[in-house]
């Protein structure tokens, strides 16, 4: 599994914004759809809340893209 570390300078970033920021998706609409469809895991649990606050140390996994993003 590919692991990419994404550094943020704020306290948190919303899950849908993270997917765009990390260039996993091209648009917020696409992020919304894959989150809603249950394709995103947040700390190993499926997350369907696009506004979920992701903080440093959290791990977001996109199953179909086989990509893991760690906020450091």
C-alpha atoms as a PDB file:
ATOM      1  CA  UNK A   1       0.000   0.000   0.000  1.00  0.00           C
ATOM      2  CA  UNK A   2       1.300   3.421  -0.913  1.00  0.00           C
ATOM      3  CA  UNK A   3       1.727   5.748   2.026  1.00  0.00           C
ATOM      4  CA  UNK A   4       1.906   9.462   1.482  1.00  0.00           C
ATOM      5  CA  UNK A   5       2.457  11.938   4.296  1.00  0.00           C
ATOM      6  CA  UNK A   6       0.564  15.185   3.906  1.00  0.00           C
ATOM      7  CA  UNK A   7       1.599  18.096   6.121  1.00  0.00           C
ATOM      8  CA  UNK A   8      -0.964  20.661   7.202  1.00  0.00           C
ATOM      9  CA  UNK A   9      -0.289  23.869   9.068  1.00  0.00           C
ATOM     10  CA  UNK A  10      -3.712  24.196  10.704  1.00  0.00           C
ATOM     11  CA  UNK A  11      -5.221  22.357  13.681  1.00  0.00           C
ATOM     12  CA  UNK A  12      -7.399  20.236  11.381  1.00  0.00           C
ATOM     13  CA  UNK A  13      -8.673  19.851   7.825  1.00  0.00           C
ATOM     14  CA  UNK A  14     -12.069  18.519   6.783  1.00  0.00           C
ATOM     15  CA  UNK A  15     -12.038  15.099   5.160  1.00  0.00           C
ATOM     16  CA  UNK A  16     -13.365  16.228   1.770  1.00  0.00           C
ATOM     17  CA  UNK A  17     -10.889  19.121   1.696  1.00  0.00           C
ATOM     18  CA  UNK A  18      -8.045  16.750   2.551  1.00  0.00           C
ATOM     19  CA  UNK A  19      -8.832  14.560  -0.456  1.00  0.00           C
ATOM     20  CA  UNK A  20      -8.661  17.616  -2.724  1.00  0.00           C
ATOM     21  CA  UNK A  21      -5.552  19.023  -0.999  1.00  0.00           C
ATOM     22  CA  UNK A  22      -3.726  15.700  -1.391  1.00  0.00           C
ATOM     23  CA  UNK A  23      -4.730  15.526  -5.084  1.00  0.00           C
ATOM     24  CA  UNK A  24      -6.601  12.256  -4.515  1.00  0.00           C
ATOM     25  CA  UNK A  25      -9.667  13.735  -6.265  1.00  0.00           C
ATOM     26  CA  UNK A  26     -10.089  16.603  -8.708  1.00  0.00           C
ATOM     27  CA  UNK A  27     -13.245  18.153  -7.248  1.00  0.00           C
ATOM     28  CA  UNK A  28     -15.144  18.437  -4.013  1.00  0.00           C
ATOM     29  CA  UNK A  29     -18.091  16.724  -5.682  1.00  0.00           C
ATOM     30  CA  UNK A  30     -16.017  13.633  -6.357  1.00  0.00           C
ATOM     31  CA  UNK A  31     -14.740  13.690  -2.761  1.00  0.00           C
ATOM     32  CA  UNK A  32     -18.320  13.936  -1.498  1.00  0.00           C
ATOM     33  CA  UNK A  33     -19.392  10.920  -3.580  1.00  0.00           C
ATOM     34  CA  UNK A  34     -16.575   8.564  -2.584  1.00  0.00           C
ATOM     35  CA  UNK A  35     -16.980   9.510   1.077  1.00  0.00           C
ATOM     36  CA  UNK A  36     -20.766   9.002   0.885  1.00  0.00           C
ATOM     37  CA  UNK A  37     -20.254   5.626  -0.823  1.00  0.00           C
ATOM     38  CA  UNK A  38     -18.137   4.393   2.116  1.00  0.00           C
ATOM     39  CA  UNK A  39     -14.879   4.151   0.161  1.00  0.00           C
ATOM     40  CA  UNK A  40     -12.893   6.156   2.724  1.00  0.00           C
ATOM     41  CA  UNK A  41     -11.589   4.883   6.044  1.00  0.00           C
ATOM     42  CA  UNK A  42     -10.685   7.195   8.902  1.00  0.00           C
ATOM     43  CA  UNK A  43      -8.354   5.550  11.442  1.00  0.00           C
ATOM     44  CA  UNK A  44      -9.365   2.116  10.068  1.00  0.00           C
ATOM     45  CA  UNK A  45     -13.132   2.799  10.300  1.00  0.00           C
ATOM     46  CA  UNK A  46     -15.375   3.581   7.341  1.00  0.00           C
ATOM     47  CA  UNK A  47     -16.296   7.270   7.465  1.00  0.00           C
ATOM     48  CA  UNK A  48     -19.222   8.766   5.546  1.00  0.00           C
ATOM     49  CA  UNK A  49     -18.996  12.262   7.071  1.00  0.00           C
ATOM     50  CA  UNK A  50     -17.353  14.570   4.564  1.00  0.00           C
ATOM     51  CA  UNK A  51     -16.920  17.290   7.205  1.00  0.00           C
ATOM     52  CA  UNK A  52     -15.051  14.971   9.590  1.00  0.00           C
ATOM     53  CA  UNK A  53     -12.156  16.872  11.147  1.00  0.00           C
ATOM     54  CA  UNK A  54      -8.845  15.196  10.361  1.00  0.00           C
ATOM     55  CA  UNK A  55      -6.053  16.140  12.735  1.00  0.00           C
ATOM     56  CA  UNK A  56      -2.350  15.458  12.887  1.00  0.00           C
ATOM     57  CA  UNK A  57      -1.696  11.759  13.441  1.00  0.00           C
ATOM     58  CA  UNK A  58      -4.962  10.580  11.883  1.00  0.00           C
ATOM     59  CA  UNK A  59      -4.790   8.132   8.997  1.00  0.00           C
ATOM     60  CA  UNK A  60      -7.135   8.284   6.007  1.00  0.00           C
ATOM     61  CA  UNK A  61      -7.239   5.330   3.630  1.00  0.00           C
ATOM     62  CA  UNK A  62      -8.876   5.341   0.193  1.00  0.00           C
ATOM     63  CA  UNK A  63      -9.510   1.677  -0.607  1.00  0.00           C
ATOM     64  CA  UNK A  64      -9.938   1.771  -4.371  1.00  0.00           C
ATOM     65  CA  UNK A  65      -6.928   4.035  -4.808  1.00  0.00           C
ATOM     66  CA  UNK A  66      -4.839   1.962  -2.420  1.00  0.00           C
ATOM     67  CA  UNK A  67      -3.529   5.208  -0.905  1.00  0.00           C
ATOM     68  CA  UNK A  68      -2.954   6.024   2.727  1.00  0.00           C
ATOM     69  CA  UNK A  69      -2.570   9.613   3.869  1.00  0.00           C
ATOM     70  CA  UNK A  70      -1.103  10.503   7.225  1.00  0.00           C
ATOM     71  CA  UNK A  71      -1.503  13.975   8.623  1.00  0.00           C
ATOM     72  CA  UNK A  72       1.722  14.930  10.374  1.00  0.00           C
END
